[in-house]
Amino acid sequence: MRSQSSIAYETLKEQIFHMELLPGEKISELQISSQLNISRTPVHDAIRRLASEALVTIKSNRSAVVAEFTDKEIRDIGSIRLVQDILSAELASYYGSAANFEELKRLAAACEQAAEQGNIYERIRADGDFHLKIAEISGNTILYQHQKAIYQQIHLIQISKYTSIEDSLQQIHHHLPIIEAICNSELSKLRQLVCMHIQDFYQIDPYLLKCYGTDE
């Protein structure tokens, strides 16, 4: 049986990811405790757990808000994502099976469909599922756990930086070429595609792009 703290944690996390609580918005312990018919202590514990995952920021006055990231933090997260995405894709190219690659195509199609429909939550969730599947195929459990943690923060960044269906589709159209490069073990092309996929969104440092084979 789930504890009250776990229920509060999962409820808050769902509200954050479904944009019911937006980046920068204050979280009311009283409101959540009333909504769930529990005391404020498990809600407070849930907020602290979310803060440890960088999804919530606890202010100096002990109030809490949904995390929002500075431009530098977004660049830093993007740099980590770049390196981990490339490693995941290279390992997936070596260890992946035909069935794995078909699953990636299915996830890419689901992501594109959600983007075409303007469903922001499903588009972000499906995009995360796609990239986390690559990490899973890599066979490196530690890498997968690191990817899973950072993609929670990426979910919030994508909410805050979402612009339009057209921009969303343009980014998603990189998915199929990435899958093709993974299938064909075209590692140099794969690195370049991953760079292209995220460089503008995160304003990746040109030095890192040069390290991975592109100056663009």
C-alpha atoms as a PDB file:
ATOM      1  CA  MET A   1       0.000   0.000   0.000  1.00  0.00           C
ATOM      2  CA  ARG A   2       1.351   3.429  -0.985  1.00  0.00           C
ATOM      3  CA  SER A   3       2.192   5.874   1.774  1.00  0.00           C
ATOM      4  CA  GLN A   4       0.512   9.281   1.944  1.00  0.00           C
ATOM      5  CA  SER A   5       3.859  10.863   1.096  1.00  0.00           C
ATOM      6  CA  SER A   6       4.133   8.731  -2.054  1.00  0.00           C
ATOM      7  CA  ILE A   7       0.581   9.631  -3.078  1.00  0.00           C
ATOM      8  CA  ALA A   8       1.330  13.341  -2.601  1.00  0.00           C
ATOM      9  CA  TYR A   9       4.596  12.978  -4.541  1.00  0.00           C
ATOM     10  CA  GLU A  10       2.975  11.226  -7.504  1.00  0.00           C
ATOM     11  CA  THR A  11       0.041  13.678  -7.533  1.00  0.00           C
ATOM     12  CA  LEU A  12       2.297  16.733  -7.542  1.00  0.00           C
ATOM     13  CA  LYS A  13       4.553  15.244 -10.185  1.00  0.00           C
ATOM     14  CA  GLU A  14       1.587  14.529 -12.453  1.00  0.00           C
ATOM     15  CA  GLN A  15       0.269  18.059 -11.964  1.00  0.00           C
ATOM     16  CA  ILE A  16       3.679  19.496 -12.857  1.00  0.00           C
ATOM     17  CA  PHE A  17       4.166  17.327 -15.936  1.00  0.00           C
ATOM     18  CA  HIS A  18       0.575  17.886 -17.124  1.00  0.00           C
ATOM     19  CA  MET A  19       1.095  21.668 -16.794  1.00  0.00           C
ATOM     20  CA  GLU A  20      -1.515  22.054 -14.069  1.00  0.00           C
ATOM     21  CA  LEU A  21       1.343  23.622 -12.104  1.00  0.00           C
ATOM     22  CA  LEU A  22       3.622  25.639 -14.370  1.00  0.00           C
ATOM     23  CA  PRO A  23       7.336  26.500 -13.974  1.00  0.00           C
ATOM     24  CA  GLY A  24       7.677  29.299 -11.419  1.00  0.00           C
ATOM     25  CA  GLU A  25       4.237  28.693  -9.917  1.00  0.00           C
ATOM     26  CA  LYS A  26       3.944  28.484  -6.134  1.00  0.00           C
ATOM     27  CA  ILE A  27       2.903  25.135  -4.648  1.00  0.00           C
ATOM     28  CA  SER A  28       0.352  25.354  -1.859  1.00  0.00           C
ATOM     29  CA  GLU A  29       0.844  22.632   0.755  1.00  0.00           C
ATOM     30  CA  LEU A  30      -2.550  23.507   2.216  1.00  0.00           C
ATOM     31  CA  GLN A  31      -4.309  23.175  -1.117  1.00  0.00           C
ATOM     32  CA  ILE A  32      -2.673  19.828  -1.930  1.00  0.00           C
ATOM     33  CA  SER A  33      -3.352  18.418   1.545  1.00  0.00           C
ATOM     34  CA  SER A  34      -6.985  19.485   1.261  1.00  0.00           C
ATOM     35  CA  GLN A  35      -7.263  18.018  -2.232  1.00  0.00           C
ATOM     36  CA  LEU A  36      -5.882  14.666  -1.081  1.00  0.00           C
ATOM     37  CA  ASN A  37      -7.517  14.763   2.360  1.00  0.00           C
ATOM     38  CA  ILE A  38      -4.218  14.232   4.145  1.00  0.00           C
ATOM     39  CA  SER A  39      -2.132  16.271   6.577  1.00  0.00           C
ATOM     40  CA  ARG A  40       0.492  18.759   5.408  1.00  0.00           C
ATOM     41  CA  THR A  41       3.437  16.651   6.637  1.00  0.00           C
ATOM     42  CA  PRO A  42       3.371  14.067   3.804  1.00  0.00           C
ATOM     43  CA  VAL A  43       2.860  16.912   1.310  1.00  0.00           C
ATOM     44  CA  HIS A  44       5.898  18.662   2.751  1.00  0.00           C
ATOM     45  CA  ASP A  45       7.886  15.420   2.431  1.00  0.00           C
ATOM     46  CA  ALA A  46       6.745  15.030  -1.171  1.00  0.00           C
ATOM     47  CA  ILE A  47       7.861  18.563  -2.010  1.00  0.00           C
ATOM     48  CA  ARG A  48      11.298  17.913  -0.529  1.00  0.00           C
ATOM     49  CA  ARG A  49      11.586  14.744  -2.609  1.00  0.00           C
ATOM     50  CA  LEU A  50      10.660  16.666  -5.766  1.00  0.00           C
ATOM     51  CA  ALA A  51      13.239  19.311  -4.829  1.00  0.00           C
ATOM     52  CA  SER A  52      15.902  16.591  -4.626  1.00  0.00           C
ATOM     53  CA  GLU A  53      15.019  15.736  -8.245  1.00  0.00           C
ATOM     54  CA  ALA A  54      15.310  19.425  -9.281  1.00  0.00           C
ATOM     55  CA  LEU A  55      11.608  19.575 -10.186  1.00  0.00           C
ATOM     56  CA  VAL A  56      10.781  21.956  -7.340  1.00  0.00           C
ATOM     57  CA  THR A  57      12.710  24.868  -5.834  1.00  0.00           C
ATOM     58  CA  ILE A  58      12.418  25.595  -2.114  1.00  0.00           C
ATOM     59  CA  LYS A  59      12.806  29.313  -1.438  1.00  0.00           C
ATOM     60  CA  SER A  60      14.577  30.954   1.512  1.00  0.00           C
ATOM     61  CA  ASN A  61      11.190  31.690   3.118  1.00  0.00           C
ATOM     62  CA  ARG A  62      10.443  27.917   2.919  1.00  0.00           C
ATOM     63  CA  SER A  63       7.832  28.347   0.207  1.00  0.00           C
ATOM     64  CA  ALA A  64       8.128  26.082  -2.835  1.00  0.00           C
ATOM     65  CA  VAL A  65       7.694  26.707  -6.554  1.00  0.00           C
ATOM     66  CA  VAL A  66       7.824  24.524  -9.638  1.00  0.00           C
ATOM     67  CA  ALA A  67      11.405  24.679 -10.925  1.00  0.00           C
ATOM     68  CA  GLU A  68      12.252  27.044 -13.732  1.00  0.00           C
ATOM     69  CA  PHE A  69      15.712  27.093 -15.228  1.00  0.00           C
ATOM     70  CA  THR A  70      17.998  29.970 -16.132  1.00  0.00           C
ATOM     71  CA  ASP A  71      19.539  30.170 -19.605  1.00  0.00           C
ATOM     72  CA  LYS A  72      22.848  28.936 -18.185  1.00  0.00           C
ATOM     73  CA  GLU A  73      21.183  26.009 -16.439  1.00  0.00           C
ATOM     74  CA  ILE A  74      19.438  25.072 -19.680  1.00  0.00           C
ATOM     75  CA  ARG A  75      22.766  25.169 -21.541  1.00  0.00           C
ATOM     76  CA  ASP A  76      24.393  23.049 -18.819  1.00  0.00           C
ATOM     77  CA  ILE A  77      21.569  20.493 -18.920  1.00  0.00           C
ATOM     78  CA  GLY A  78      21.760  20.494 -22.719  1.00  0.00           C
ATOM     79  CA  SER A  79      25.495  19.775 -22.592  1.00  0.00           C
ATOM     80  CA  ILE A  80      24.941  16.770 -20.334  1.00  0.00           C
ATOM     81  CA  ARG A  81      22.085  15.591 -22.516  1.00  0.00           C
ATOM     82  CA  LEU A  82      24.254  15.886 -25.634  1.00  0.00           C
ATOM     83  CA  VAL A  83      27.003  13.662 -24.251  1.00  0.00           C
ATOM     84  CA  GLN A  84      24.594  11.102 -22.777  1.00  0.00           C
ATOM     85  CA  ASP A  85      22.393  11.003 -25.894  1.00  0.00           C
ATOM     86  CA  ILE A  86      25.422  10.353 -28.087  1.00  0.00           C
ATOM     87  CA  LEU A  87      26.743   7.597 -25.821  1.00  0.00           C
ATOM     88  CA  SER A  88      23.280   6.011 -25.593  1.00  0.00           C
ATOM     89  CA  ALA A  89      22.870   6.047 -29.375  1.00  0.00           C
ATOM     90  CA  GLU A  90      26.343   4.639 -30.054  1.00  0.00           C
ATOM     91  CA  LEU A  91      25.815   1.778 -27.608  1.00  0.00           C
ATOM     92  CA  ALA A  92      22.304   1.159 -28.978  1.00  0.00           C
ATOM     93  CA  SER A  93      23.806   0.879 -32.453  1.00  0.00           C
ATOM     94  CA  TYR A  94      26.087  -1.914 -31.199  1.00  0.00           C
ATOM     95  CA  TYR A  95      23.666  -3.779 -28.940  1.00  0.00           C
ATOM     96  CA  GLY A  96      20.293  -3.089 -30.545  1.00  0.00           C
ATOM     97  CA  SER A  97      18.194  -5.621 -32.448  1.00  0.00           C
ATOM     98  CA  ALA A  98      15.838  -5.246 -35.391  1.00  0.00           C
ATOM     99  CA  ALA A  99      12.922  -5.462 -32.949  1.00  0.00           C
ATOM    100  CA  ASN A 100      14.450  -2.635 -30.876  1.00  0.00           C
ATOM    101  CA  PHE A 101      14.759  -0.417 -33.943  1.00  0.00           C
ATOM    102  CA  GLU A 102      11.145  -1.095 -34.939  1.00  0.00           C
ATOM    103  CA  GLU A 103      10.084  -0.030 -31.446  1.00  0.00           C
ATOM    104  CA  LEU A 104      12.031   3.217 -31.891  1.00  0.00           C
ATOM    105  CA  LYS A 105      10.152   3.867 -35.147  1.00  0.00           C
ATOM    106  CA  ARG A 106       6.845   3.295 -33.362  1.00  0.00           C
ATOM    107  CA  LEU A 107       7.796   5.748 -30.606  1.00  0.00           C
ATOM    108  CA  ALA A 108       8.957   8.317 -33.172  1.00  0.00           C
ATOM    109  CA  ALA A 109       5.602   8.046 -34.960  1.00  0.00           C
ATOM    110  CA  ALA A 110       3.700   8.499 -31.674  1.00  0.00           C
ATOM    111  CA  CYS A 111       5.753  11.597 -30.920  1.00  0.00           C
ATOM    112  CA  GLU A 112       5.060  13.072 -34.349  1.00  0.00           C
ATOM    113  CA  GLN A 113       1.342  12.359 -34.066  1.00  0.00           C
ATOM    114  CA  ALA A 114       1.138  14.120 -30.694  1.00  0.00           C
ATOM    115  CA  ALA A 115       3.027  17.116 -32.106  1.00  0.00           C
ATOM    116  CA  GLU A 116       0.709  17.345 -35.128  1.00  0.00           C
ATOM    117  CA  GLN A 117      -2.286  17.364 -32.788  1.00  0.00           C
ATOM    118  CA  GLY A 118      -0.752  20.137 -30.667  1.00  0.00           C
ATOM    119  CA  ASN A 119      -0.895  17.896 -27.581  1.00  0.00           C
ATOM    120  CA  ILE A 120       2.027  19.387 -25.667  1.00  0.00           C
ATOM    121  CA  TYR A 121       2.052  16.887 -22.795  1.00  0.00           C
ATOM    122  CA  GLU A 122       1.882  13.812 -25.044  1.00  0.00           C
ATOM    123  CA  ARG A 123       4.465  15.266 -27.418  1.00  0.00           C
ATOM    124  CA  ILE A 124       6.941  15.852 -24.565  1.00  0.00           C
ATOM    125  CA  ARG A 125       6.205  12.490 -22.942  1.00  0.00           C
ATOM    126  CA  ALA A 126       6.568  10.618 -26.234  1.00  0.00           C
ATOM    127  CA  ASP A 127       9.821  12.422 -27.012  1.00  0.00           C
ATOM    128  CA  GLY A 128      11.173  11.376 -23.626  1.00  0.00           C
ATOM    129  CA  ASP A 129      10.017   7.797 -24.214  1.00  0.00           C
ATOM    130  CA  PHE A 130      11.863   7.761 -27.550  1.00  0.00           C
ATOM    131  CA  HIS A 131      15.179   8.934 -26.137  1.00  0.00           C
ATOM    132  CA  LEU A 132      14.918   6.818 -22.994  1.00  0.00           C
ATOM    133  CA  LYS A 133      14.279   3.748 -25.154  1.00  0.00           C
ATOM    134  CA  ILE A 134      17.597   4.421 -26.905  1.00  0.00           C
ATOM    135  CA  ALA A 135      19.263   4.548 -23.480  1.00  0.00           C
ATOM    136  CA  GLU A 136      17.526   1.300 -22.496  1.00  0.00           C
ATOM    137  CA  ILE A 137      18.695  -0.410 -25.691  1.00  0.00           C
ATOM    138  CA  SER A 138      22.257   0.656 -24.842  1.00  0.00           C
ATOM    139  CA  GLY A 139      22.245  -1.973 -22.098  1.00  0.00           C
ATOM    140  CA  ASN A 140      23.987   0.378 -19.656  1.00  0.00           C
ATOM    141  CA  THR A 141      21.779   0.521 -16.556  1.00  0.00           C
ATOM    142  CA  ILE A 142      23.683   3.415 -14.949  1.00  0.00           C
ATOM    143  CA  LEU A 143      23.453   5.473 -18.133  1.00  0.00           C
ATOM    144  CA  TYR A 144      19.719   4.751 -18.355  1.00  0.00           C
ATOM    145  CA  GLN A 145      19.160   5.932 -14.773  1.00  0.00           C
ATOM    146  CA  HIS A 146      21.084   9.149 -15.429  1.00  0.00           C
ATOM    147  CA  GLN A 147      19.065   9.730 -18.597  1.00  0.00           C
ATOM    148  CA  LYS A 148      15.812   9.096 -16.772  1.00  0.00           C
ATOM    149  CA  ALA A 149      16.720  11.672 -14.119  1.00  0.00           C
ATOM    150  CA  ILE A 150      17.767  14.398 -16.540  1.00  0.00           C
ATOM    151  CA  TYR A 151      14.771  13.860 -18.826  1.00  0.00           C
ATOM    152  CA  GLN A 152      12.503  14.843 -15.937  1.00  0.00           C
ATOM    153  CA  GLN A 153      14.201  18.253 -15.932  1.00  0.00           C
ATOM    154  CA  ILE A 154      14.065  18.325 -19.729  1.00  0.00           C
ATOM    155  CA  HIS A 155      10.291  17.812 -19.506  1.00  0.00           C
ATOM    156  CA  LEU A 156      10.006  21.108 -17.600  1.00  0.00           C
ATOM    157  CA  ILE A 157      12.366  22.900 -19.972  1.00  0.00           C
ATOM    158  CA  GLN A 158      10.323  21.771 -22.961  1.00  0.00           C
ATOM    159  CA  ILE A 159       7.144  23.045 -21.306  1.00  0.00           C
ATOM    160  CA  SER A 160       8.697  26.458 -20.711  1.00  0.00           C
ATOM    161  CA  LYS A 161      10.226  26.710 -24.209  1.00  0.00           C
ATOM    162  CA  TYR A 162       7.393  25.255 -26.300  1.00  0.00           C
ATOM    163  CA  THR A 163       6.613  27.615 -29.175  1.00  0.00           C
ATOM    164  CA  SER A 164       4.504  26.122 -31.963  1.00  0.00           C
ATOM    165  CA  ILE A 165       3.454  22.930 -33.727  1.00  0.00           C
ATOM    166  CA  GLU A 166       5.718  23.793 -36.675  1.00  0.00           C
ATOM    167  CA  ASP A 167       8.838  24.207 -34.529  1.00  0.00           C
ATOM    168  CA  SER A 168       7.968  21.061 -32.617  1.00  0.00           C
ATOM    169  CA  LEU A 169       7.610  19.011 -35.809  1.00  0.00           C
ATOM    170  CA  GLN A 170      10.859  20.365 -37.208  1.00  0.00           C
ATOM    171  CA  GLN A 171      12.726  19.080 -34.179  1.00  0.00           C
ATOM    172  CA  ILE A 172      10.941  15.725 -34.185  1.00  0.00           C
ATOM    173  CA  HIS A 173      11.777  15.124 -37.851  1.00  0.00           C
ATOM    174  CA  HIS A 174      15.332  14.355 -36.722  1.00  0.00           C
ATOM    175  CA  HIS A 175      14.133  11.150 -35.051  1.00  0.00           C
ATOM    176  CA  LEU A 176      13.921   8.930 -38.142  1.00  0.00           C
ATOM    177  CA  PRO A 177      17.389   9.889 -39.481  1.00  0.00           C
ATOM    178  CA  ILE A 178      18.775   9.180 -35.992  1.00  0.00           C
ATOM    179  CA  ILE A 179      17.168   5.717 -36.033  1.00  0.00           C
ATOM    180  CA  GLU A 180      18.570   5.058 -39.517  1.00  0.00           C
ATOM    181  CA  ALA A 181      22.088   6.043 -38.412  1.00  0.00           C
ATOM    182  CA  ILE A 182      21.772   3.788 -35.351  1.00  0.00           C
ATOM    183  CA  CYS A 183      20.600   0.859 -37.506  1.00  0.00           C
ATOM    184  CA  ASN A 184      23.441   1.324 -40.003  1.00  0.00           C
ATOM    185  CA  SER A 185      26.138   1.971 -37.361  1.00  0.00           C
ATOM    186  CA  GLU A 186      26.999   5.301 -39.006  1.00  0.00           C
ATOM    187  CA  LEU A 187      28.549   6.711 -35.850  1.00  0.00           C
ATOM    188  CA  SER A 188      30.009   9.929 -37.265  1.00  0.00           C
ATOM    189  CA  LYS A 189      26.683  10.783 -38.900  1.00  0.00           C
ATOM    190  CA  LEU A 190      24.879   9.782 -35.710  1.00  0.00           C
ATOM    191  CA  ARG A 191      26.901  12.217 -33.607  1.00  0.00           C
ATOM    192  CA  GLN A 192      26.203  15.023 -36.067  1.00  0.00           C
ATOM    193  CA  LEU A 193      22.471  14.249 -36.089  1.00  0.00           C
ATOM    194  CA  VAL A 194      22.265  14.318 -32.289  1.00  0.00           C
ATOM    195  CA  CYS A 195      24.090  17.664 -32.293  1.00  0.00           C
ATOM    196  CA  MET A 196      21.667  19.051 -34.888  1.00  0.00           C
ATOM    197  CA  HIS A 197      18.722  17.714 -32.905  1.00  0.00           C
ATOM    198  CA  ILE A 198      19.403  19.709 -29.740  1.00  0.00           C
ATOM    199  CA  GLN A 199      22.009  22.410 -30.452  1.00  0.00           C
ATOM    200  CA  ASP A 200      19.631  25.316 -31.084  1.00  0.00           C
ATOM    201  CA  PHE A 201      17.109  24.441 -28.383  1.00  0.00           C
ATOM    202  CA  TYR A 202      19.802  24.375 -25.687  1.00  0.00           C
ATOM    203  CA  GLN A 203      22.239  26.839 -27.258  1.00  0.00           C
ATOM    204  CA  ILE A 204      24.985  24.236 -26.992  1.00  0.00           C
ATOM    205  CA  ASP A 205      28.548  25.565 -26.642  1.00  0.00           C
ATOM    206  CA  PRO A 206      30.222  25.567 -30.109  1.00  0.00           C
ATOM    207  CA  TYR A 207      33.271  23.900 -28.528  1.00  0.00           C
ATOM    208  CA  LEU A 208      31.198  20.837 -27.656  1.00  0.00           C
ATOM    209  CA  LEU A 209      29.737  20.731 -31.157  1.00  0.00           C
ATOM    210  CA  LYS A 210      33.266  20.827 -32.565  1.00  0.00           C
ATOM    211  CA  CYS A 211      34.273  17.971 -30.258  1.00  0.00           C
ATOM    212  CA  TYR A 212      31.530  15.830 -31.771  1.00  0.00           C
ATOM    213  CA  GLY A 213      32.253  16.606 -35.387  1.00  0.00           C
ATOM    214  CA  THR A 214      30.264  19.701 -36.298  1.00  0.00           C
ATOM    215  CA  ASP A 215      31.001  23.419 -36.166  1.00  0.00           C
ATOM    216  CA  GLU A 216      27.427  24.404 -36.971  1.00  0.00           C
END
